[in-house]
Amino acid sequence: DQIEALVDKLADIRRAIGQVIVGQEHVIEQM
């Protein structure tokens, strides 16, 4: 459960960044 919660946080971070950044998925991913 702890692992799944942490992995979900990664998805939350990507969604938050996507509110401002258009495209550049590979840049966000590599960062």
Full PDB file with SEQRES, HELIX, SHEET, SSBOND, CRYST1, ORIGX, SCALE, CONECT and MASTER records, all heavy atoms in Angstrom:
SEQRES   1 A   31  ASP GLN ILE GLU ALA LEU VAL ASP LYS LEU ALA ASP ILE          
SEQRES   2 A   31  ARG ARG ALA ILE GLY GLN VAL ILE VAL GLY GLN GLU HIS          
SEQRES   3 A   31  VAL ILE GLU GLN MET                                          
HELIX    1 AA1 GLN A    2  GLY A   18  1                                  17    
HELIX    2 AA2 GLU A   25  GLN A   30  1                                   6    
CRYST1    1.000    1.000    1.000  90.00  90.00  90.00 P 1           1          
ORIGX1      1.000000  0.000000  0.000000        0.00000                         
ORIGX2      0.000000  1.000000  0.000000        0.00000                         
ORIGX3      0.000000  0.000000  1.000000        0.00000                         
SCALE1      1.000000  0.000000  0.000000        0.00000                         
SCALE2      0.000000  1.000000  0.000000        0.00000                         
SCALE3      0.000000  0.000000  1.000000        0.00000                         
ATOM      1  N   ASP A   1       0.833  -1.205   0.000  1.00  0.00           N  
ATOM      2  CA  ASP A   1       0.000   0.000   0.000  1.00  0.00           C  
ATOM      3  C   ASP A   1       0.868   1.256   0.000  1.00  0.00           C  
ATOM      4  O   ASP A   1       0.548   2.250  -0.675  1.00  0.00           O  
ATOM      5  CB  ASP A   1      -0.919   0.006   1.226  1.00  0.00           C  
ATOM      6  CG  ASP A   1      -1.987  -1.083   1.142  1.00  0.00           C  
ATOM      7  OD1 ASP A   1      -2.268  -1.533   0.015  1.00  0.00           O  
ATOM      8  OD2 ASP A   1      -2.515  -1.471   2.199  1.00  0.00           O  
ATOM      9  N   GLN A   2       1.962   1.197   0.737  1.00  0.00           N  
ATOM     10  CA  GLN A   2       2.869   2.349   0.790  1.00  0.00           C  
ATOM     11  C   GLN A   2       3.506   2.589  -0.571  1.00  0.00           C  
ATOM     12  O   GLN A   2       3.651   3.736  -1.017  1.00  0.00           O  
ATOM     13  CB  GLN A   2       3.957   2.086   1.840  1.00  0.00           C  
ATOM     14  CG  GLN A   2       4.350   3.320   2.631  1.00  0.00           C  
ATOM     15  CD  GLN A   2       5.267   2.970   3.779  1.00  0.00           C  
ATOM     16  OE1 GLN A   2       6.042   2.014   3.716  1.00  0.00           O  
ATOM     17  NE2 GLN A   2       5.193   3.740   4.844  1.00  0.00           N  
ATOM     18  N   ILE A   3       3.875   1.503  -1.230  1.00  0.00           N  
ATOM     19  CA  ILE A   3       4.493   1.624  -2.555  1.00  0.00           C  
ATOM     20  C   ILE A   3       3.510   2.238  -3.545  1.00  0.00           C  
ATOM     21  O   ILE A   3       3.851   3.148  -4.300  1.00  0.00           O  
ATOM     22  CB  ILE A   3       4.957   0.234  -3.050  1.00  0.00           C  
ATOM     23  CG1 ILE A   3       6.080  -0.290  -2.171  1.00  0.00           C  
ATOM     24  CG2 ILE A   3       5.403   0.297  -4.505  1.00  0.00           C  
ATOM     25  CD1 ILE A   3       6.453  -1.718  -2.457  1.00  0.00           C  
ATOM     26  N   GLU A   4       2.284   1.741  -3.539  1.00  0.00           N  
ATOM     27  CA  GLU A   4       1.275   2.263  -4.461  1.00  0.00           C  
ATOM     28  C   GLU A   4       0.997   3.735  -4.205  1.00  0.00           C  
ATOM     29  O   GLU A   4       0.801   4.518  -5.149  1.00  0.00           O  
ATOM     30  CB  GLU A   4      -0.005   1.442  -4.333  1.00  0.00           C  
ATOM     31  CG  GLU A   4       0.120   0.018  -4.851  1.00  0.00           C  
ATOM     32  CD  GLU A   4      -1.165  -0.778  -4.674  1.00  0.00           C  
ATOM     33  OE1 GLU A   4      -2.076  -0.276  -3.970  1.00  0.00           O  
ATOM     34  OE2 GLU A   4      -1.266  -1.890  -5.224  1.00  0.00           O  
ATOM     35  N   ALA A   5       0.992   4.136  -2.937  1.00  0.00           N  
ATOM     36  CA  ALA A   5       0.761   5.539  -2.604  1.00  0.00           C  
ATOM     37  C   ALA A   5       1.895   6.420  -3.132  1.00  0.00           C  
ATOM     38  O   ALA A   5       1.662   7.528  -3.644  1.00  0.00           O  
ATOM     39  CB  ALA A   5       0.614   5.702  -1.093  1.00  0.00           C  
ATOM     40  N   LEU A   6       3.126   5.925  -3.031  1.00  0.00           N  
ATOM     41  CA  LEU A   6       4.270   6.685  -3.521  1.00  0.00           C  
ATOM     42  C   LEU A   6       4.229   6.801  -5.046  1.00  0.00           C  
ATOM     43  O   LEU A   6       4.489   7.873  -5.604  1.00  0.00           O  
ATOM     44  CB  LEU A   6       5.575   6.029  -3.077  1.00  0.00           C  
ATOM     45  CG  LEU A   6       5.953   6.189  -1.597  1.00  0.00           C  
ATOM     46  CD1 LEU A   6       7.155   5.331  -1.248  1.00  0.00           C  
ATOM     47  CD2 LEU A   6       6.247   7.653  -1.269  1.00  0.00           C  
ATOM     48  N   VAL A   7       3.906   5.710  -5.719  1.00  0.00           N  
ATOM     49  CA  VAL A   7       3.819   5.734  -7.183  1.00  0.00           C  
ATOM     50  C   VAL A   7       2.701   6.679  -7.635  1.00  0.00           C  
ATOM     51  O   VAL A   7       2.835   7.397  -8.630  1.00  0.00           O  
ATOM     52  CB  VAL A   7       3.600   4.314  -7.736  1.00  0.00           C  
ATOM     53  CG1 VAL A   7       3.344   4.355  -9.241  1.00  0.00           C  
ATOM     54  CG2 VAL A   7       4.823   3.445  -7.441  1.00  0.00           C  
ATOM     55  N   ASP A   8       1.605   6.694  -6.890  1.00  0.00           N  
ATOM     56  CA  ASP A   8       0.513   7.625  -7.213  1.00  0.00           C  
ATOM     57  C   ASP A   8       0.980   9.074  -7.089  1.00  0.00           C  
ATOM     58  O   ASP A   8       0.510   9.951  -7.833  1.00  0.00           O  
ATOM     59  CB  ASP A   8      -0.680   7.383  -6.286  1.00  0.00           C  
ATOM     60  CG  ASP A   8      -1.411   6.078  -6.614  1.00  0.00           C  
ATOM     61  OD1 ASP A   8      -1.208   5.564  -7.727  1.00  0.00           O  
ATOM     62  OD2 ASP A   8      -2.168   5.592  -5.753  1.00  0.00           O  
ATOM     63  N   LYS A   9       1.889   9.342  -6.154  1.00  0.00           N  
ATOM     64  CA  LYS A   9       2.418  10.703  -5.998  1.00  0.00           C  
ATOM     65  C   LYS A   9       3.151  11.151  -7.261  1.00  0.00           C  
ATOM     66  O   LYS A   9       3.099  12.331  -7.639  1.00  0.00           O  
ATOM     67  CB  LYS A   9       3.367  10.766  -4.794  1.00  0.00           C  
ATOM     68  CG  LYS A   9       2.662  10.856  -3.453  1.00  0.00           C  
ATOM     69  CD  LYS A   9       1.925  12.178  -3.299  1.00  0.00           C  
ATOM     70  CE  LYS A   9       1.270  12.308  -1.944  1.00  0.00           C  
ATOM     71  NZ  LYS A   9       0.476  13.556  -1.831  1.00  0.00           N  
ATOM     72  N   LEU A  10       3.842  10.210  -7.910  1.00  0.00           N  
ATOM     73  CA  LEU A  10       4.534  10.550  -9.150  1.00  0.00           C  
ATOM     74  C   LEU A  10       3.536  10.999 -10.220  1.00  0.00           C  
ATOM     75  O   LEU A  10       3.781  11.965 -10.948  1.00  0.00           O  
ATOM     76  CB  LEU A  10       5.338   9.347  -9.649  1.00  0.00           C  
ATOM     77  CG  LEU A  10       6.601   9.007  -8.863  1.00  0.00           C  
ATOM     78  CD1 LEU A  10       7.204   7.697  -9.358  1.00  0.00           C  
ATOM     79  CD2 LEU A  10       7.619  10.126  -8.972  1.00  0.00           C  
ATOM     80  N   ALA A  11       2.421  10.294 -10.306  1.00  0.00           N  
ATOM     81  CA  ALA A  11       1.376  10.689 -11.265  1.00  0.00           C  
ATOM     82  C   ALA A  11       0.806  12.061 -10.905  1.00  0.00           C  
ATOM     83  O   ALA A  11       0.522  12.879 -11.795  1.00  0.00           O  
ATOM     84  CB  ALA A  11       0.275   9.636 -11.295  1.00  0.00           C  
ATOM     85  N   ASP A  12       0.648  12.337  -9.611  1.00  0.00           N  
ATOM     86  CA  ASP A  12       0.143  13.638  -9.170  1.00  0.00           C  
ATOM     87  C   ASP A  12       1.104  14.758  -9.569  1.00  0.00           C  
ATOM     88  O   ASP A  12       0.680  15.840 -10.005  1.00  0.00           O  
ATOM     89  CB  ASP A  12      -0.056  13.645  -7.655  1.00  0.00           C  
ATOM     90  CG  ASP A  12      -1.173  12.710  -7.210  1.00  0.00           C  
ATOM     91  OD1 ASP A  12      -2.028  12.373  -8.051  1.00  0.00           O  
ATOM     92  OD2 ASP A  12      -1.189  12.323  -6.025  1.00  0.00           O  
ATOM     93  N   ILE A  13       2.409  14.492  -9.427  1.00  0.00           N  
ATOM     94  CA  ILE A  13       3.415  15.501  -9.774  1.00  0.00           C  
ATOM     95  C   ILE A  13       3.365  15.803 -11.270  1.00  0.00           C  
ATOM     96  O   ILE A  13       3.392  16.965 -11.693  1.00  0.00           O  
ATOM     97  CB  ILE A  13       4.827  15.034  -9.356  1.00  0.00           C  
ATOM     98  CG1 ILE A  13       4.934  14.980  -7.834  1.00  0.00           C  
ATOM     99  CG2 ILE A  13       5.897  15.956  -9.930  1.00  0.00           C  
ATOM    100  CD1 ILE A  13       6.202  14.324  -7.330  1.00  0.00           C  
ATOM    101  N   ARG A  14       3.254  14.762 -12.085  1.00  0.00           N  
ATOM    102  CA  ARG A  14       3.200  14.963 -13.531  1.00  0.00           C  
ATOM    103  C   ARG A  14       1.950  15.729 -13.945  1.00  0.00           C  
ATOM    104  O   ARG A  14       1.999  16.592 -14.832  1.00  0.00           O  
ATOM    105  CB  ARG A  14       3.254  13.613 -14.258  1.00  0.00           C  
ATOM    106  CG  ARG A  14       4.545  12.860 -14.029  1.00  0.00           C  
ATOM    107  CD  ARG A  14       4.654  11.621 -14.887  1.00  0.00           C  
ATOM    108  NE  ARG A  14       5.002  11.951 -16.258  1.00  0.00           N  
ATOM    109  CZ  ARG A  14       5.498  11.077 -17.125  1.00  0.00           C  
ATOM    110  NH1 ARG A  14       5.704   9.825 -16.754  1.00  0.00           N  
ATOM    111  NH2 ARG A  14       5.790  11.426 -18.351  1.00  0.00           N  
ATOM    112  N   ARG A  15       0.832  15.430 -13.296  1.00  0.00           N  
ATOM    113  CA  ARG A  15      -0.400  16.166 -13.613  1.00  0.00           C  
ATOM    114  C   ARG A  15      -0.279  17.634 -13.212  1.00  0.00           C  
ATOM    115  O   ARG A  15      -0.745  18.527 -13.934  1.00  0.00           O  
ATOM    116  CB  ARG A  15      -1.586  15.511 -12.906  1.00  0.00           C  
ATOM    117  CG  ARG A  15      -2.152  14.294 -13.618  1.00  0.00           C  
ATOM    118  CD  ARG A  15      -3.501  13.900 -13.057  1.00  0.00           C  
ATOM    119  NE  ARG A  15      -3.386  13.445 -11.676  1.00  0.00           N  
ATOM    120  CZ  ARG A  15      -3.190  12.185 -11.324  1.00  0.00           C  
ATOM    121  NH1 ARG A  15      -3.087  11.247 -12.252  1.00  0.00           N  
ATOM    122  NH2 ARG A  15      -3.100  11.835 -10.051  1.00  0.00           N  
ATOM    123  N   ALA A  16       0.330  17.884 -12.050  1.00  0.00           N  
ATOM    124  CA  ALA A  16       0.492  19.270 -11.588  1.00  0.00           C  
ATOM    125  C   ALA A  16       1.353  20.067 -12.568  1.00  0.00           C  
ATOM    126  O   ALA A  16       1.024  21.209 -12.915  1.00  0.00           O  
ATOM    127  CB  ALA A  16       1.110  19.274 -10.189  1.00  0.00           C  
ATOM    128  N   ILE A  17       2.450  19.477 -13.021  1.00  0.00           N  
ATOM    129  CA  ILE A  17       3.322  20.172 -13.974  1.00  0.00           C  
ATOM    130  C   ILE A  17       2.589  20.400 -15.293  1.00  0.00           C  
ATOM    131  O   ILE A  17       2.751  21.440 -15.939  1.00  0.00           O  
ATOM    132  CB  ILE A  17       4.614  19.367 -14.193  1.00  0.00           C  
ATOM    133  CG1 ILE A  17       5.408  19.256 -12.886  1.00  0.00           C  
ATOM    134  CG2 ILE A  17       5.482  20.007 -15.275  1.00  0.00           C  
ATOM    135  CD1 ILE A  17       6.603  18.343 -12.957  1.00  0.00           C  
ATOM    136  N   GLY A  18       1.753  19.438 -15.685  1.00  0.00           N  
ATOM    137  CA  GLY A  18       1.007  19.556 -16.929  1.00  0.00           C  
ATOM    138  C   GLY A  18       0.014  20.704 -16.946  1.00  0.00           C  
ATOM    139  O   GLY A  18      -0.453  21.097 -18.015  1.00  0.00           O  
ATOM    140  N   GLN A  19      -0.327  21.252 -15.772  1.00  0.00           N  
ATOM    141  CA  GLN A  19      -1.214  22.410 -15.723  1.00  0.00           C  
ATOM    142  C   GLN A  19      -0.551  23.659 -16.303  1.00  0.00           C  
ATOM    143  O   GLN A  19      -1.232  24.594 -16.727  1.00  0.00           O  
ATOM    144  CB  GLN A  19      -1.631  22.681 -14.278  1.00  0.00           C  
ATOM    145  CG  GLN A  19      -2.465  21.575 -13.650  1.00  0.00           C  
ATOM    146  CD  GLN A  19      -2.742  21.841 -12.173  1.00  0.00           C  
ATOM    147  OE1 GLN A  19      -2.587  22.971 -11.708  1.00  0.00           O  
ATOM    148  NE2 GLN A  19      -3.144  20.821 -11.444  1.00  0.00           N  
ATOM    149  N   VAL A  20       0.784  23.667 -16.313  1.00  0.00           N  
ATOM    150  CA  VAL A  20       1.527  24.835 -16.786  1.00  0.00           C  
ATOM    151  C   VAL A  20       2.290  24.544 -18.076  1.00  0.00           C  
ATOM    152  O   VAL A  20       2.317  25.361 -18.995  1.00  0.00           O  
ATOM    153  CB  VAL A  20       2.520  25.318 -15.692  1.00  0.00           C  
ATOM    154  CG1 VAL A  20       3.396  26.447 -16.207  1.00  0.00           C  
ATOM    155  CG2 VAL A  20       1.758  25.758 -14.450  1.00  0.00           C  
ATOM    156  N   ILE A  21       2.907  23.360 -18.144  1.00  0.00           N  
ATOM    157  CA  ILE A  21       3.757  23.028 -19.280  1.00  0.00           C  
ATOM    158  C   ILE A  21       2.949  22.293 -20.343  1.00  0.00           C  
ATOM    159  O   ILE A  21       2.263  21.312 -20.055  1.00  0.00           O  
ATOM    160  CB  ILE A  21       4.949  22.147 -18.834  1.00  0.00           C  
ATOM    161  CG1 ILE A  21       5.778  22.886 -17.777  1.00  0.00           C  
ATOM    162  CG2 ILE A  21       5.809  21.779 -20.018  1.00  0.00           C  
ATOM    163  CD1 ILE A  21       6.409  24.159 -18.271  1.00  0.00           C  
ATOM    164  N   VAL A  22       3.039  22.769 -21.589  1.00  0.00           N  
ATOM    165  CA  VAL A  22       2.388  22.117 -22.728  1.00  0.00           C  
ATOM    166  C   VAL A  22       3.428  21.257 -23.437  1.00  0.00           C  
ATOM    167  O   VAL A  22       4.491  21.744 -23.830  1.00  0.00           O  
ATOM    168  CB  VAL A  22       1.800  23.150 -23.701  1.00  0.00           C  
ATOM    169  CG1 VAL A  22       1.200  22.456 -24.919  1.00  0.00           C  
ATOM    170  CG2 VAL A  22       0.763  24.004 -23.004  1.00  0.00           C  
ATOM    171  N   GLY A  23       3.126  19.979 -23.614  1.00  0.00           N  
ATOM    172  CA  GLY A  23       4.061  19.090 -24.299  1.00  0.00           C  
ATOM    173  C   GLY A  23       5.300  18.832 -23.451  1.00  0.00           C  
ATOM    174  O   GLY A  23       5.243  18.808 -22.216  1.00  0.00           O  
ATOM    175  N   GLN A  24       6.426  18.644 -24.134  1.00  0.00           N  
ATOM    176  CA  GLN A  24       7.717  18.391 -23.483  1.00  0.00           C  
ATOM    177  C   GLN A  24       7.644  17.204 -22.510  1.00  0.00           C  
ATOM    178  O   GLN A  24       8.283  17.210 -21.462  1.00  0.00           O  
ATOM    179  CB  GLN A  24       8.215  19.641 -22.761  1.00  0.00           C  
ATOM    180  CG  GLN A  24       8.509  20.818 -23.653  1.00  0.00           C  
ATOM    181  CD  GLN A  24       9.104  22.001 -22.910  1.00  0.00           C  
ATOM    182  OE1 GLN A  24       9.334  21.943 -21.702  1.00  0.00           O  
ATOM    183  NE2 GLN A  24       9.353  23.078 -23.614  1.00  0.00           N  
ATOM    184  N   GLU A  25       6.867  16.192 -22.879  1.00  0.00           N  
ATOM    185  CA  GLU A  25       6.721  15.050 -21.983  1.00  0.00           C  
ATOM    186  C   GLU A  25       8.053  14.396 -21.675  1.00  0.00           C  
ATOM    187  O   GLU A  25       8.311  14.003 -20.537  1.00  0.00           O  
ATOM    188  CB  GLU A  25       5.765  14.012 -22.584  1.00  0.00           C  
ATOM    189  CG  GLU A  25       4.294  14.378 -22.524  1.00  0.00           C  
ATOM    190  CD  GLU A  25       3.866  15.268 -23.680  1.00  0.00           C  
ATOM    191  OE1 GLU A  25       4.712  15.539 -24.560  1.00  0.00           O  
ATOM    192  OE2 GLU A  25       2.691  15.684 -23.723  1.00  0.00           O  
ATOM    193  N   HIS A  26       8.931  14.272 -22.698  1.00  0.00           N  
ATOM    194  CA  HIS A  26      10.208  13.599 -22.458  1.00  0.00           C  
ATOM    195  C   HIS A  26      11.099  14.419 -21.532  1.00  0.00           C  
ATOM    196  O   HIS A  26      11.877  13.863 -20.746  1.00  0.00           O  
ATOM    197  CB  HIS A  26      10.924  13.327 -23.790  1.00  0.00           C  
ATOM    198  CG  HIS A  26      11.621  14.527 -24.365  1.00  0.00           C  
ATOM    199  ND1 HIS A  26      10.951  15.558 -24.994  1.00  0.00           N  
ATOM    200  CD2 HIS A  26      12.937  14.866 -24.398  1.00  0.00           C  
ATOM    201  CE1 HIS A  26      11.815  16.467 -25.399  1.00  0.00           C  
ATOM    202  NE2 HIS A  26      13.022  16.084 -25.043  1.00  0.00           N  
ATOM    203  N   VAL A  27      10.968  15.751 -21.592  1.00  0.00           N  
ATOM    204  CA  VAL A  27      11.766  16.604 -20.702  1.00  0.00           C  
ATOM    205  C   VAL A  27      11.310  16.446 -19.256  1.00  0.00           C  
ATOM    206  O   VAL A  27      12.126  16.253 -18.348  1.00  0.00           O  
ATOM    207  CB  VAL A  27      11.662  18.079 -21.144  1.00  0.00           C  
ATOM    208  CG1 VAL A  27      12.419  18.979 -20.167  1.00  0.00           C  
ATOM    209  CG2 VAL A  27      12.202  18.250 -22.552  1.00  0.00           C  
ATOM    210  N   ILE A  28       9.994  16.508 -19.044  1.00  0.00           N  
ATOM    211  CA  ILE A  28       9.458  16.332 -17.691  1.00  0.00           C  
ATOM    212  C   ILE A  28       9.808  14.944 -17.162  1.00  0.00           C  
ATOM    213  O   ILE A  28      10.211  14.789 -16.005  1.00  0.00           O  
ATOM    214  CB  ILE A  28       7.927  16.530 -17.694  1.00  0.00           C  
ATOM    215  CG1 ILE A  28       7.563  17.919 -18.229  1.00  0.00           C  
ATOM    216  CG2 ILE A  28       7.370  16.327 -16.294  1.00  0.00           C  
ATOM    217  CD1 ILE A  28       8.178  19.062 -17.470  1.00  0.00           C  
ATOM    218  N   GLU A  29       9.660  13.938 -18.016  1.00  0.00           N  
ATOM    219  CA  GLU A  29       9.968  12.573 -17.589  1.00  0.00           C  
ATOM    220  C   GLU A  29      11.428  12.434 -17.182  1.00  0.00           C  
ATOM    221  O   GLU A  29      11.747  11.847 -16.142  1.00  0.00           O  
ATOM    222  CB  GLU A  29       9.639  11.580 -18.713  1.00  0.00           C  
ATOM    223  CG  GLU A  29      10.030  10.146 -18.368  1.00  0.00           C  
ATOM    224  CD  GLU A  29       9.428   9.131 -19.306  1.00  0.00           C  
ATOM    225  OE1 GLU A  29       8.181   9.045 -19.355  1.00  0.00           O  
ATOM    226  OE2 GLU A  29      10.200   8.421 -19.975  1.00  0.00           O  
ATOM    227  N   GLN A  30      12.334  12.973 -17.986  1.00  0.00           N  
ATOM    228  CA  GLN A  30      13.751  12.829 -17.678  1.00  0.00           C  
ATOM    229  C   GLN A  30      14.157  13.653 -16.457  1.00  0.00           C  
ATOM    230  O   GLN A  30      15.059  13.259 -15.709  1.00  0.00           O  
ATOM    231  CB  GLN A  30      14.582  13.188 -18.905  1.00  0.00           C  
ATOM    232  CG  GLN A  30      14.457  12.163 -20.014  1.00  0.00           C  
ATOM    233  CD  GLN A  30      15.252  12.530 -21.262  1.00  0.00           C  
ATOM    234  OE1 GLN A  30      16.219  13.293 -21.209  1.00  0.00           O  
ATOM    235  NE2 GLN A  30      14.858  11.987 -22.405  1.00  0.00           N  
ATOM    236  N   MET A  31      13.523  14.788 -16.230  1.00  0.00           N  
ATOM    237  CA  MET A  31      13.783  15.533 -15.000  1.00  0.00           C  
ATOM    238  C   MET A  31      13.353  14.726 -13.782  1.00  0.00           C  
ATOM    239  O   MET A  31      14.070  14.653 -12.776  1.00  0.00           O  
ATOM    240  CB  MET A  31      13.067  16.889 -15.026  1.00  0.00           C  
ATOM    241  CG  MET A  31      13.685  17.917 -15.936  1.00  0.00           C  
ATOM    242  SD  MET A  31      13.139  19.631 -15.596  1.00  0.00           S  
ATOM    243  CE  MET A  31      11.364  19.463 -15.644  1.00  0.00           C  
TER     244      MET A  31                                                      
MASTER        0    0    0    2    0    0    0    6  243    1    0    3          
END                                                                             
